[in-house]
């Protein structure tokens, strides 16, 4: 049970720590009445880790919450400095003074996530939106620092990463840190109403649930001289290399899988833990190698290591 809130001693960041889960895109900010919080610097700072389309989209969602109170993008981290700066300029043009990313709060490299998160205060929000291969590393660090987390899907590239996230979630619960996932169906009132009807038995006993997703798209073409470059694989391997992003089905069908699991207990994994990815650097070898002509094996192997 939640304890009565003392207006004079609680600010917005503390409220996030002691209230319900952070909704996707930091939408929970819209439910916090401005008069609830104490005077002073109650601005919620965001750190964007991974400055691609999904990351900047999450920033846009967070900064567009009606009556959400003061919130700003405060730090950014990415492997590509040019992309990061281009996205910062685009966000600045749209949101103006809500983008407060000084030069010394823009970080580049595999360790940049630490520097960006270190700019935040407990109760602020880290937006973890890189490729899935390193999601668990970023989320763990944020939770360790007392920072609320929004993480995009897919969440990990192998079951070991998922186990790490589950353990991180347990730690977050102990510390009062909130974690939200980019599964938009969870935040759809229509979907919630439908699932509630199913739970109440409107469709009778459900012996089988099947989720389908139909879509087009080609295979992975010849990457030539970029085939065995680590940073290149992180770019073109989003859905084609399982070690990078866990594949097309997990990346997209995850929404339908989530809906199937939403009304019932989540499936339990039978997989062992995989290696720590925290020591990657620009010179790290690529986990999946192409041949001398730049062609990848079919099927492309991943990191799955079943017990």
C-alpha atoms as a PDB file:
ATOM      1  CA  UNK A   1       0.000   0.000   0.000  1.00  0.00           C
ATOM      2  CA  UNK A   2       1.267   3.479  -0.819  1.00  0.00           C
ATOM      3  CA  UNK A   3       1.811   5.841   2.110  1.00  0.00           C
ATOM      4  CA  UNK A   4       0.257   9.348   2.114  1.00  0.00           C
ATOM      5  CA  UNK A   5       2.385  11.829   0.180  1.00  0.00           C
ATOM      6  CA  UNK A   6       3.851  14.838   1.956  1.00  0.00           C
ATOM      7  CA  UNK A   7       3.804  17.675  -0.612  1.00  0.00           C
ATOM      8  CA  UNK A   8       6.495  19.663   1.120  1.00  0.00           C
ATOM      9  CA  UNK A   9       9.140  16.947   1.017  1.00  0.00           C
ATOM     10  CA  UNK A  10       8.650  15.112  -2.279  1.00  0.00           C
ATOM     11  CA  UNK A  11       9.910  16.252  -5.658  1.00  0.00           C
ATOM     12  CA  UNK A  12       9.090  14.782  -9.057  1.00  0.00           C
ATOM     13  CA  UNK A  13      12.151  12.551  -9.272  1.00  0.00           C
ATOM     14  CA  UNK A  14      11.483  11.125  -5.794  1.00  0.00           C
ATOM     15  CA  UNK A  15       7.871  10.584  -6.765  1.00  0.00           C
ATOM     16  CA  UNK A  16       8.953   8.366  -9.642  1.00  0.00           C
ATOM     17  CA  UNK A  17      11.006   6.285  -7.232  1.00  0.00           C
ATOM     18  CA  UNK A  18       8.090   5.681  -4.876  1.00  0.00           C
ATOM     19  CA  UNK A  19       5.174   5.399  -7.286  1.00  0.00           C
ATOM     20  CA  UNK A  20       4.022   2.930  -9.927  1.00  0.00           C
ATOM     21  CA  UNK A  21       5.969   1.781 -12.987  1.00  0.00           C
ATOM     22  CA  UNK A  22       7.280   4.312 -15.477  1.00  0.00           C
ATOM     23  CA  UNK A  23       5.049   4.145 -18.554  1.00  0.00           C
ATOM     24  CA  UNK A  24       6.459   3.840 -22.063  1.00  0.00           C
ATOM     25  CA  UNK A  25       8.140   6.980 -23.313  1.00  0.00           C
ATOM     26  CA  UNK A  26       8.038   8.433 -19.775  1.00  0.00           C
ATOM     27  CA  UNK A  27       4.294   9.010 -20.239  1.00  0.00           C
ATOM     28  CA  UNK A  28       3.779   8.629 -16.501  1.00  0.00           C
ATOM     29  CA  UNK A  29       4.986  12.217 -16.217  1.00  0.00           C
ATOM     30  CA  UNK A  30       1.655  13.353 -17.578  1.00  0.00           C
ATOM     31  CA  UNK A  31      -0.149  11.927 -14.553  1.00  0.00           C
ATOM     32  CA  UNK A  32       1.850  13.883 -11.985  1.00  0.00           C
ATOM     33  CA  UNK A  33       0.007  17.049 -10.917  1.00  0.00           C
ATOM     34  CA  UNK A  34       2.363  20.066 -10.923  1.00  0.00           C
ATOM     35  CA  UNK A  35       1.234  21.146  -7.441  1.00  0.00           C
ATOM     36  CA  UNK A  36       2.282  17.835  -5.904  1.00  0.00           C
ATOM     37  CA  UNK A  37       5.965  18.626  -5.705  1.00  0.00           C
ATOM     38  CA  UNK A  38       8.184  20.816  -3.620  1.00  0.00           C
ATOM     39  CA  UNK A  39       9.779  23.959  -4.970  1.00  0.00           C
ATOM     40  CA  UNK A  40      13.323  23.810  -6.300  1.00  0.00           C
ATOM     41  CA  UNK A  41      14.958  21.946  -9.168  1.00  0.00           C
ATOM     42  CA  UNK A  42      12.469  19.162  -9.822  1.00  0.00           C
ATOM     43  CA  UNK A  43      13.412  18.890 -13.509  1.00  0.00           C
ATOM     44  CA  UNK A  44      13.655  15.304 -14.687  1.00  0.00           C
ATOM     45  CA  UNK A  45      16.776  14.783 -16.771  1.00  0.00           C
ATOM     46  CA  UNK A  46      16.948  12.277 -19.601  1.00  0.00           C
ATOM     47  CA  UNK A  47      20.044  10.522 -20.900  1.00  0.00           C
ATOM     48  CA  UNK A  48      19.660   9.074 -24.399  1.00  0.00           C
ATOM     49  CA  UNK A  49      21.827   5.997 -24.949  1.00  0.00           C
ATOM     50  CA  UNK A  50      21.613   5.071 -28.624  1.00  0.00           C
ATOM     51  CA  UNK A  51      20.689   7.962 -30.921  1.00  0.00           C
ATOM     52  CA  UNK A  52      18.850   6.166 -33.707  1.00  0.00           C
ATOM     53  CA  UNK A  53      15.230   6.510 -34.743  1.00  0.00           C
ATOM     54  CA  UNK A  54      13.770   4.635 -31.798  1.00  0.00           C
ATOM     55  CA  UNK A  55      15.858   6.576 -29.309  1.00  0.00           C
ATOM     56  CA  UNK A  56      14.964  10.000 -30.630  1.00  0.00           C
ATOM     57  CA  UNK A  57      11.353   8.866 -30.884  1.00  0.00           C
ATOM     58  CA  UNK A  58      11.394   7.991 -27.183  1.00  0.00           C
ATOM     59  CA  UNK A  59      12.824  11.416 -26.386  1.00  0.00           C
ATOM     60  CA  UNK A  60      10.070  13.042 -28.430  1.00  0.00           C
ATOM     61  CA  UNK A  61       7.417  11.062 -26.537  1.00  0.00           C
ATOM     62  CA  UNK A  62       8.872  12.021 -23.167  1.00  0.00           C
ATOM     63  CA  UNK A  63       9.140  15.714 -24.022  1.00  0.00           C
ATOM     64  CA  UNK A  64       5.599  15.833 -25.451  1.00  0.00           C
ATOM     65  CA  UNK A  65       3.762  14.665 -22.333  1.00  0.00           C
ATOM     66  CA  UNK A  66       0.958  17.182 -21.619  1.00  0.00           C
ATOM     67  CA  UNK A  67       1.383  18.899 -18.245  1.00  0.00           C
ATOM     68  CA  UNK A  68       4.295  16.608 -17.453  1.00  0.00           C
ATOM     69  CA  UNK A  69       6.238  19.239 -15.581  1.00  0.00           C
ATOM     70  CA  UNK A  70       9.825  20.260 -16.303  1.00  0.00           C
ATOM     71  CA  UNK A  71      11.784  17.634 -18.211  1.00  0.00           C
ATOM     72  CA  UNK A  72      14.753  17.914 -20.550  1.00  0.00           C
ATOM     73  CA  UNK A  73      17.230  15.871 -22.538  1.00  0.00           C
ATOM     74  CA  UNK A  74      20.482  16.313 -20.627  1.00  0.00           C
ATOM     75  CA  UNK A  75      23.033  13.821 -22.019  1.00  0.00           C
ATOM     76  CA  UNK A  76      23.547  11.678 -25.121  1.00  0.00           C
ATOM     77  CA  UNK A  77      25.690   8.646 -25.947  1.00  0.00           C
ATOM     78  CA  UNK A  78      26.296   6.813 -29.216  1.00  0.00           C
ATOM     79  CA  UNK A  79      28.983   5.040 -31.240  1.00  0.00           C
ATOM     80  CA  UNK A  80      28.596   7.502 -34.106  1.00  0.00           C
ATOM     81  CA  UNK A  81      29.368  11.137 -33.279  1.00  0.00           C
ATOM     82  CA  UNK A  82      27.927  12.534 -36.525  1.00  0.00           C
ATOM     83  CA  UNK A  83      24.613  10.719 -36.077  1.00  0.00           C
ATOM     84  CA  UNK A  84      24.384  11.849 -32.464  1.00  0.00           C
ATOM     85  CA  UNK A  85      24.948  15.493 -33.377  1.00  0.00           C
ATOM     86  CA  UNK A  86      22.477  15.342 -36.271  1.00  0.00           C
ATOM     87  CA  UNK A  87      19.796  13.929 -33.978  1.00  0.00           C
ATOM     88  CA  UNK A  88      20.572  16.515 -31.305  1.00  0.00           C
ATOM     89  CA  UNK A  89      20.115  19.333 -33.820  1.00  0.00           C
ATOM     90  CA  UNK A  90      16.829  17.871 -35.055  1.00  0.00           C
ATOM     91  CA  UNK A  91      15.516  17.544 -31.498  1.00  0.00           C
ATOM     92  CA  UNK A  92      16.745  21.036 -30.609  1.00  0.00           C
ATOM     93  CA  UNK A  93      14.880  22.501 -33.566  1.00  0.00           C
ATOM     94  CA  UNK A  94      11.651  20.867 -32.475  1.00  0.00           C
ATOM     95  CA  UNK A  95      11.853  21.097 -28.675  1.00  0.00           C
ATOM     96  CA  UNK A  96      14.186  24.084 -28.250  1.00  0.00           C
ATOM     97  CA  UNK A  97      14.989  24.738 -24.577  1.00  0.00           C
ATOM     98  CA  UNK A  98      13.949  21.193 -23.585  1.00  0.00           C
ATOM     99  CA  UNK A  99      17.201  20.023 -25.195  1.00  0.00           C
ATOM    100  CA  UNK A 100      20.040  20.909 -22.832  1.00  0.00           C
ATOM    101  CA  UNK A 101      22.948  18.763 -24.054  1.00  0.00           C
ATOM    102  CA  UNK A 102      26.203  20.688 -23.619  1.00  0.00           C
ATOM    103  CA  UNK A 103      29.359  19.609 -25.442  1.00  0.00           C
ATOM    104  CA  UNK A 104      30.718  17.954 -22.298  1.00  0.00           C
ATOM    105  CA  UNK A 105      27.561  15.838 -22.023  1.00  0.00           C
ATOM    106  CA  UNK A 106      27.855  14.222 -25.472  1.00  0.00           C
ATOM    107  CA  UNK A 107      29.750  10.949 -25.290  1.00  0.00           C
ATOM    108  CA  UNK A 108      31.044   8.559 -27.951  1.00  0.00           C
ATOM    109  CA  UNK A 109      32.177   4.933 -27.644  1.00  0.00           C
ATOM    110  CA  UNK A 110      31.279   1.659 -25.992  1.00  0.00           C
ATOM    111  CA  UNK A 111      31.757   3.140 -22.513  1.00  0.00           C
ATOM    112  CA  UNK A 112      29.785   6.295 -23.320  1.00  0.00           C
ATOM    113  CA  UNK A 113      26.678   4.924 -21.612  1.00  0.00           C
ATOM    114  CA  UNK A 114      28.450   5.138 -18.253  1.00  0.00           C
ATOM    115  CA  UNK A 115      29.385   8.765 -18.778  1.00  0.00           C
ATOM    116  CA  UNK A 116      25.862   9.709 -19.856  1.00  0.00           C
ATOM    117  CA  UNK A 117      24.223   7.930 -16.928  1.00  0.00           C
ATOM    118  CA  UNK A 118      26.741   9.459 -14.522  1.00  0.00           C
ATOM    119  CA  UNK A 119      25.352  12.889 -15.522  1.00  0.00           C
ATOM    120  CA  UNK A 120      21.995  11.987 -14.008  1.00  0.00           C
ATOM    121  CA  UNK A 121      20.679  12.122 -10.465  1.00  0.00           C
ATOM    122  CA  UNK A 122      18.711   9.378  -8.697  1.00  0.00           C
ATOM    123  CA  UNK A 123      15.167   9.547 -10.003  1.00  0.00           C
ATOM    124  CA  UNK A 124      16.126  10.745 -13.483  1.00  0.00           C
ATOM    125  CA  UNK A 125      15.564   8.530 -16.554  1.00  0.00           C
ATOM    126  CA  UNK A 126      17.983   6.667 -18.835  1.00  0.00           C
ATOM    127  CA  UNK A 127      16.561   5.842 -22.272  1.00  0.00           C
ATOM    128  CA  UNK A 128      18.305   2.614 -23.333  1.00  0.00           C
ATOM    129  CA  UNK A 129      17.685   2.359 -27.072  1.00  0.00           C
ATOM    130  CA  UNK A 130      20.789   0.815 -28.657  1.00  0.00           C
ATOM    131  CA  UNK A 131      20.899  -2.531 -30.447  1.00  0.00           C
ATOM    132  CA  UNK A 132      19.805  -5.347 -28.155  1.00  0.00           C
ATOM    133  CA  UNK A 133      23.217  -7.051 -27.861  1.00  0.00           C
ATOM    134  CA  UNK A 134      24.276  -4.734 -25.038  1.00  0.00           C
ATOM    135  CA  UNK A 135      20.944  -3.694 -23.505  1.00  0.00           C
ATOM    136  CA  UNK A 136      21.414  -5.628 -20.268  1.00  0.00           C
ATOM    137  CA  UNK A 137      24.771  -3.935 -19.595  1.00  0.00           C
ATOM    138  CA  UNK A 138      23.216  -0.475 -19.871  1.00  0.00           C
ATOM    139  CA  UNK A 139      20.138  -1.299 -17.807  1.00  0.00           C
ATOM    140  CA  UNK A 140      22.188  -2.902 -15.043  1.00  0.00           C
ATOM    141  CA  UNK A 141      24.401   0.148 -14.729  1.00  0.00           C
ATOM    142  CA  UNK A 142      21.482   2.575 -14.608  1.00  0.00           C
ATOM    143  CA  UNK A 143      19.704   0.588 -11.914  1.00  0.00           C
ATOM    144  CA  UNK A 144      22.927   0.340  -9.909  1.00  0.00           C
ATOM    145  CA  UNK A 145      23.055   4.144  -9.976  1.00  0.00           C
ATOM    146  CA  UNK A 146      19.418   4.541  -8.893  1.00  0.00           C
ATOM    147  CA  UNK A 147      18.296   5.777 -12.315  1.00  0.00           C
ATOM    148  CA  UNK A 148      14.865   4.947 -13.750  1.00  0.00           C
ATOM    149  CA  UNK A 149      14.973   3.135 -17.094  1.00  0.00           C
ATOM    150  CA  UNK A 150      13.049   3.100 -20.339  1.00  0.00           C
ATOM    151  CA  UNK A 151      14.352   0.280 -22.550  1.00  0.00           C
ATOM    152  CA  UNK A 152      13.405  -0.355 -26.140  1.00  0.00           C
ATOM    153  CA  UNK A 153      12.625  -3.750 -27.570  1.00  0.00           C
ATOM    154  CA  UNK A 154      14.049  -6.230 -28.370  1.00  0.00           C
ATOM    155  CA  UNK A 155      15.562  -6.544 -24.924  1.00  0.00           C
ATOM    156  CA  UNK A 156      18.439  -8.962 -25.467  1.00  0.00           C
ATOM    157  CA  UNK A 157      20.085 -10.921 -28.243  1.00  0.00           C
ATOM    158  CA  UNK A 158      20.185 -14.188 -26.323  1.00  0.00           C
ATOM    159  CA  UNK A 159      18.611 -15.854 -23.264  1.00  0.00           C
ATOM    160  CA  UNK A 160      21.638 -14.998 -21.132  1.00  0.00           C
ATOM    161  CA  UNK A 161      20.931 -11.307 -21.662  1.00  0.00           C
ATOM    162  CA  UNK A 162      17.289 -11.852 -20.722  1.00  0.00           C
ATOM    163  CA  UNK A 163      18.339 -13.534 -17.483  1.00  0.00           C
ATOM    164  CA  UNK A 164      20.517 -10.547 -16.689  1.00  0.00           C
ATOM    165  CA  UNK A 165      17.572  -8.210 -17.256  1.00  0.00           C
ATOM    166  CA  UNK A 166      15.362 -10.292 -15.005  1.00  0.00           C
ATOM    167  CA  UNK A 167      17.955 -10.095 -12.234  1.00  0.00           C
ATOM    168  CA  UNK A 168      18.291  -6.359 -12.852  1.00  0.00           C
ATOM    169  CA  UNK A 169      14.519  -6.043 -12.544  1.00  0.00           C
ATOM    170  CA  UNK A 170      14.627  -7.727  -9.148  1.00  0.00           C
ATOM    171  CA  UNK A 171      17.328  -5.302  -8.041  1.00  0.00           C
ATOM    172  CA  UNK A 172      15.293  -2.359  -9.330  1.00  0.00           C
ATOM    173  CA  UNK A 173      12.292  -3.467  -7.312  1.00  0.00           C
ATOM    174  CA  UNK A 174      14.387  -3.614  -4.160  1.00  0.00           C
ATOM    175  CA  UNK A 175      15.757  -0.115  -4.776  1.00  0.00           C
ATOM    176  CA  UNK A 176      12.483   1.483  -5.847  1.00  0.00           C
ATOM    177  CA  UNK A 177      13.821   2.132  -9.351  1.00  0.00           C
ATOM    178  CA  UNK A 178      11.264   1.971 -12.172  1.00  0.00           C
ATOM    179  CA  UNK A 179      11.769   0.143 -15.470  1.00  0.00           C
ATOM    180  CA  UNK A 180       9.497   0.502 -18.504  1.00  0.00           C
ATOM    181  CA  UNK A 181       9.654  -1.435 -21.754  1.00  0.00           C
ATOM    182  CA  UNK A 182       8.860  -0.311 -25.285  1.00  0.00           C
ATOM    183  CA  UNK A 183       5.899  -2.632 -25.748  1.00  0.00           C
ATOM    184  CA  UNK A 184       3.200  -0.237 -26.895  1.00  0.00           C
ATOM    185  CA  UNK A 185       0.397  -2.796 -26.813  1.00  0.00           C
ATOM    186  CA  UNK A 186       0.690  -2.763 -23.019  1.00  0.00           C
ATOM    187  CA  UNK A 187      -0.254   0.909 -23.046  1.00  0.00           C
ATOM    188  CA  UNK A 188      -3.211   0.650 -25.435  1.00  0.00           C
ATOM    189  CA  UNK A 189      -6.569   1.083 -23.613  1.00  0.00           C
ATOM    190  CA  UNK A 190      -8.292  -0.931 -26.345  1.00  0.00           C
ATOM    191  CA  UNK A 191      -5.834  -3.825 -25.977  1.00  0.00           C
ATOM    192  CA  UNK A 192      -6.138  -3.725 -22.196  1.00  0.00           C
ATOM    193  CA  UNK A 193      -9.928  -3.861 -22.387  1.00  0.00           C
ATOM    194  CA  UNK A 194      -9.810  -6.797 -24.825  1.00  0.00           C
ATOM    195  CA  UNK A 195      -7.391  -8.787 -22.677  1.00  0.00           C
ATOM    196  CA  UNK A 196      -9.471  -8.104 -19.576  1.00  0.00           C
ATOM    197  CA  UNK A 197     -12.519  -9.535 -21.351  1.00  0.00           C
ATOM    198  CA  UNK A 198     -10.546 -12.664 -22.248  1.00  0.00           C
ATOM    199  CA  UNK A 199      -9.405 -13.025 -18.655  1.00  0.00           C
ATOM    200  CA  UNK A 200     -12.994 -12.710 -17.484  1.00  0.00           C
ATOM    201  CA  UNK A 201     -13.975 -15.632 -19.708  1.00  0.00           C
ATOM    202  CA  UNK A 202     -15.839 -13.805 -22.483  1.00  0.00           C
ATOM    203  CA  UNK A 203     -14.326 -16.240 -25.027  1.00  0.00           C
ATOM    204  CA  UNK A 204     -14.591 -19.295 -22.830  1.00  0.00           C
ATOM    205  CA  UNK A 205     -11.641 -21.615 -22.277  1.00  0.00           C
ATOM    206  CA  UNK A 206      -8.636 -20.756 -24.446  1.00  0.00           C
ATOM    207  CA  UNK A 207      -6.788 -24.002 -25.379  1.00  0.00           C
ATOM    208  CA  UNK A 208      -4.386 -22.371 -27.870  1.00  0.00           C
ATOM    209  CA  UNK A 209      -3.019 -18.944 -28.682  1.00  0.00           C
ATOM    210  CA  UNK A 210      -1.162 -18.309 -31.928  1.00  0.00           C
ATOM    211  CA  UNK A 211       0.423 -15.032 -32.996  1.00  0.00           C
ATOM    212  CA  UNK A 212       1.214 -14.212 -36.610  1.00  0.00           C
ATOM    213  CA  UNK A 213       2.933 -11.243 -38.180  1.00  0.00           C
ATOM    214  CA  UNK A 214       3.075 -10.792 -41.925  1.00  0.00           C
ATOM    215  CA  UNK A 215       5.666  -8.613 -43.606  1.00  0.00           C
ATOM    216  CA  UNK A 216       8.074  -8.412 -46.487  1.00  0.00           C
ATOM    217  CA  UNK A 217      11.770  -7.644 -46.719  1.00  0.00           C
ATOM    218  CA  UNK A 218      14.827  -9.158 -48.309  1.00  0.00           C
ATOM    219  CA  UNK A 219      17.722 -11.098 -46.921  1.00  0.00           C
ATOM    220  CA  UNK A 220      21.157  -9.870 -45.990  1.00  0.00           C
ATOM    221  CA  UNK A 221      23.084  -8.882 -49.079  1.00  0.00           C
ATOM    222  CA  UNK A 222      26.804  -8.932 -49.751  1.00  0.00           C
ATOM    223  CA  UNK A 223      28.452  -6.462 -47.375  1.00  0.00           C
ATOM    224  CA  UNK A 224      31.842  -6.728 -49.132  1.00  0.00           C
ATOM    225  CA  UNK A 225      34.633  -4.855 -47.316  1.00  0.00           C
ATOM    226  CA  UNK A 226      32.323  -4.012 -44.384  1.00  0.00           C
ATOM    227  CA  UNK A 227      31.287  -7.604 -43.723  1.00  0.00           C
ATOM    228  CA  UNK A 228      33.757  -8.293 -40.901  1.00  0.00           C
ATOM    229  CA  UNK A 229      33.957  -4.823 -39.356  1.00  0.00           C
ATOM    230  CA  UNK A 230      32.436  -4.713 -35.891  1.00  0.00           C
ATOM    231  CA  UNK A 231      30.828  -1.278 -36.202  1.00  0.00           C
ATOM    232  CA  UNK A 232      29.440  -2.162 -39.628  1.00  0.00           C
ATOM    233  CA  UNK A 233      27.859  -5.347 -38.300  1.00  0.00           C
ATOM    234  CA  UNK A 234      26.151  -3.281 -35.615  1.00  0.00           C
ATOM    235  CA  UNK A 235      24.617  -1.154 -38.365  1.00  0.00           C
ATOM    236  CA  UNK A 236      23.490  -3.712 -40.960  1.00  0.00           C
ATOM    237  CA  UNK A 237      22.938  -6.565 -38.520  1.00  0.00           C
ATOM    238  CA  UNK A 238      19.882  -5.177 -36.728  1.00  0.00           C
ATOM    239  CA  UNK A 239      17.626  -8.039 -37.800  1.00  0.00           C
ATOM    240  CA  UNK A 240      20.041 -10.165 -39.853  1.00  0.00           C
ATOM    241  CA  UNK A 241      22.680 -11.008 -37.224  1.00  0.00           C
ATOM    242  CA  UNK A 242      21.271 -12.683 -34.135  1.00  0.00           C
ATOM    243  CA  UNK A 243      24.127 -11.551 -31.924  1.00  0.00           C
ATOM    244  CA  UNK A 244      23.266  -7.908 -32.693  1.00  0.00           C
ATOM    245  CA  UNK A 245      19.497  -7.708 -32.493  1.00  0.00           C
ATOM    246  CA  UNK A 246      18.007 -11.191 -32.076  1.00  0.00           C
ATOM    247  CA  UNK A 247      16.343 -11.344 -35.487  1.00  0.00           C
ATOM    248  CA  UNK A 248      13.318 -10.051 -37.341  1.00  0.00           C
ATOM    249  CA  UNK A 249      10.756 -12.211 -35.531  1.00  0.00           C
ATOM    250  CA  UNK A 250      11.868 -11.212 -32.051  1.00  0.00           C
ATOM    251  CA  UNK A 251      12.260  -7.568 -33.026  1.00  0.00           C
ATOM    252  CA  UNK A 252       8.742  -7.267 -34.469  1.00  0.00           C
ATOM    253  CA  UNK A 253       6.632 -10.280 -33.503  1.00  0.00           C
ATOM    254  CA  UNK A 254       7.525  -9.476 -29.879  1.00  0.00           C
ATOM    255  CA  UNK A 255       4.413  -7.290 -29.671  1.00  0.00           C
ATOM    256  CA  UNK A 256       2.097 -10.179 -30.505  1.00  0.00           C
ATOM    257  CA  UNK A 257       4.029 -12.543 -28.241  1.00  0.00           C
ATOM    258  CA  UNK A 258       3.671  -9.993 -25.455  1.00  0.00           C
ATOM    259  CA  UNK A 259      -0.078  -9.834 -25.951  1.00  0.00           C
ATOM    260  CA  UNK A 260      -0.308 -13.615 -25.738  1.00  0.00           C
ATOM    261  CA  UNK A 261       1.692 -13.654 -22.520  1.00  0.00           C
ATOM    262  CA  UNK A 262       0.020 -10.577 -21.040  1.00  0.00           C
ATOM    263  CA  UNK A 263      -3.009 -12.449 -19.744  1.00  0.00           C
ATOM    264  CA  UNK A 264      -1.123 -15.463 -18.466  1.00  0.00           C
ATOM    265  CA  UNK A 265       2.117 -16.254 -16.665  1.00  0.00           C
ATOM    266  CA  UNK A 266       5.245 -15.551 -18.707  1.00  0.00           C
ATOM    267  CA  UNK A 267       7.079 -18.556 -20.124  1.00  0.00           C
ATOM    268  CA  UNK A 268      10.198 -19.572 -18.195  1.00  0.00           C
ATOM    269  CA  UNK A 269      13.507 -19.800 -20.054  1.00  0.00           C
ATOM    270  CA  UNK A 270      15.715 -22.930 -20.067  1.00  0.00           C
ATOM    271  CA  UNK A 271      18.876 -21.253 -21.231  1.00  0.00           C
ATOM    272  CA  UNK A 272      22.243 -20.693 -19.645  1.00  0.00           C
ATOM    273  CA  UNK A 273      23.993 -17.364 -19.149  1.00  0.00           C
ATOM    274  CA  UNK A 274      26.238 -15.995 -21.890  1.00  0.00           C
ATOM    275  CA  UNK A 275      29.432 -13.971 -21.701  1.00  0.00           C
ATOM    276  CA  UNK A 276      29.594 -10.411 -20.396  1.00  0.00           C
ATOM    277  CA  UNK A 277      29.590  -7.822 -23.192  1.00  0.00           C
ATOM    278  CA  UNK A 278      30.826  -4.965 -21.039  1.00  0.00           C
ATOM    279  CA  UNK A 279      34.406  -5.109 -22.377  1.00  0.00           C
ATOM    280  CA  UNK A 280      33.675  -4.497 -26.064  1.00  0.00           C
ATOM    281  CA  UNK A 281      35.831  -1.942 -27.847  1.00  0.00           C
ATOM    282  CA  UNK A 282      36.344  -0.768 -31.420  1.00  0.00           C
ATOM    283  CA  UNK A 283      38.974  -3.432 -32.050  1.00  0.00           C
ATOM    284  CA  UNK A 284      36.886  -6.347 -30.792  1.00  0.00           C
ATOM    285  CA  UNK A 285      36.544  -9.231 -33.282  1.00  0.00           C
ATOM    286  CA  UNK A 286      33.129  -9.756 -34.810  1.00  0.00           C
ATOM    287  CA  UNK A 287      31.209 -12.764 -33.402  1.00  0.00           C
ATOM    288  CA  UNK A 288      29.966 -13.806 -36.869  1.00  0.00           C
ATOM    289  CA  UNK A 289      32.462 -13.854 -39.760  1.00  0.00           C
ATOM    290  CA  UNK A 290      31.728 -13.632 -43.461  1.00  0.00           C
ATOM    291  CA  UNK A 291      33.821 -15.431 -46.067  1.00  0.00           C
ATOM    292  CA  UNK A 292      36.441 -13.736 -48.243  1.00  0.00           C
ATOM    293  CA  UNK A 293      33.717 -12.610 -50.653  1.00  0.00           C
ATOM    294  CA  UNK A 294      31.678 -10.918 -47.909  1.00  0.00           C
ATOM    295  CA  UNK A 295      28.977 -13.602 -47.856  1.00  0.00           C
ATOM    296  CA  UNK A 296      27.534 -14.825 -44.535  1.00  0.00           C
ATOM    297  CA  UNK A 297      26.684 -18.479 -43.818  1.00  0.00           C
ATOM    298  CA  UNK A 298      23.042 -19.519 -44.165  1.00  0.00           C
ATOM    299  CA  UNK A 299      21.482 -19.786 -41.696  1.00  0.00           C
ATOM    300  CA  UNK A 300      23.510 -17.164 -39.827  1.00  0.00           C
ATOM    301  CA  UNK A 301      24.476 -18.564 -36.415  1.00  0.00           C
ATOM    302  CA  UNK A 302      23.542 -16.689 -33.269  1.00  0.00           C
ATOM    303  CA  UNK A 303      24.574 -16.899 -29.614  1.00  0.00           C
ATOM    304  CA  UNK A 304      21.926 -19.298 -28.367  1.00  0.00           C
ATOM    305  CA  UNK A 305      23.433 -21.735 -25.886  1.00  0.00           C
ATOM    306  CA  UNK A 306      20.789 -24.110 -24.583  1.00  0.00           C
ATOM    307  CA  UNK A 307      21.544 -26.205 -21.510  1.00  0.00           C
END
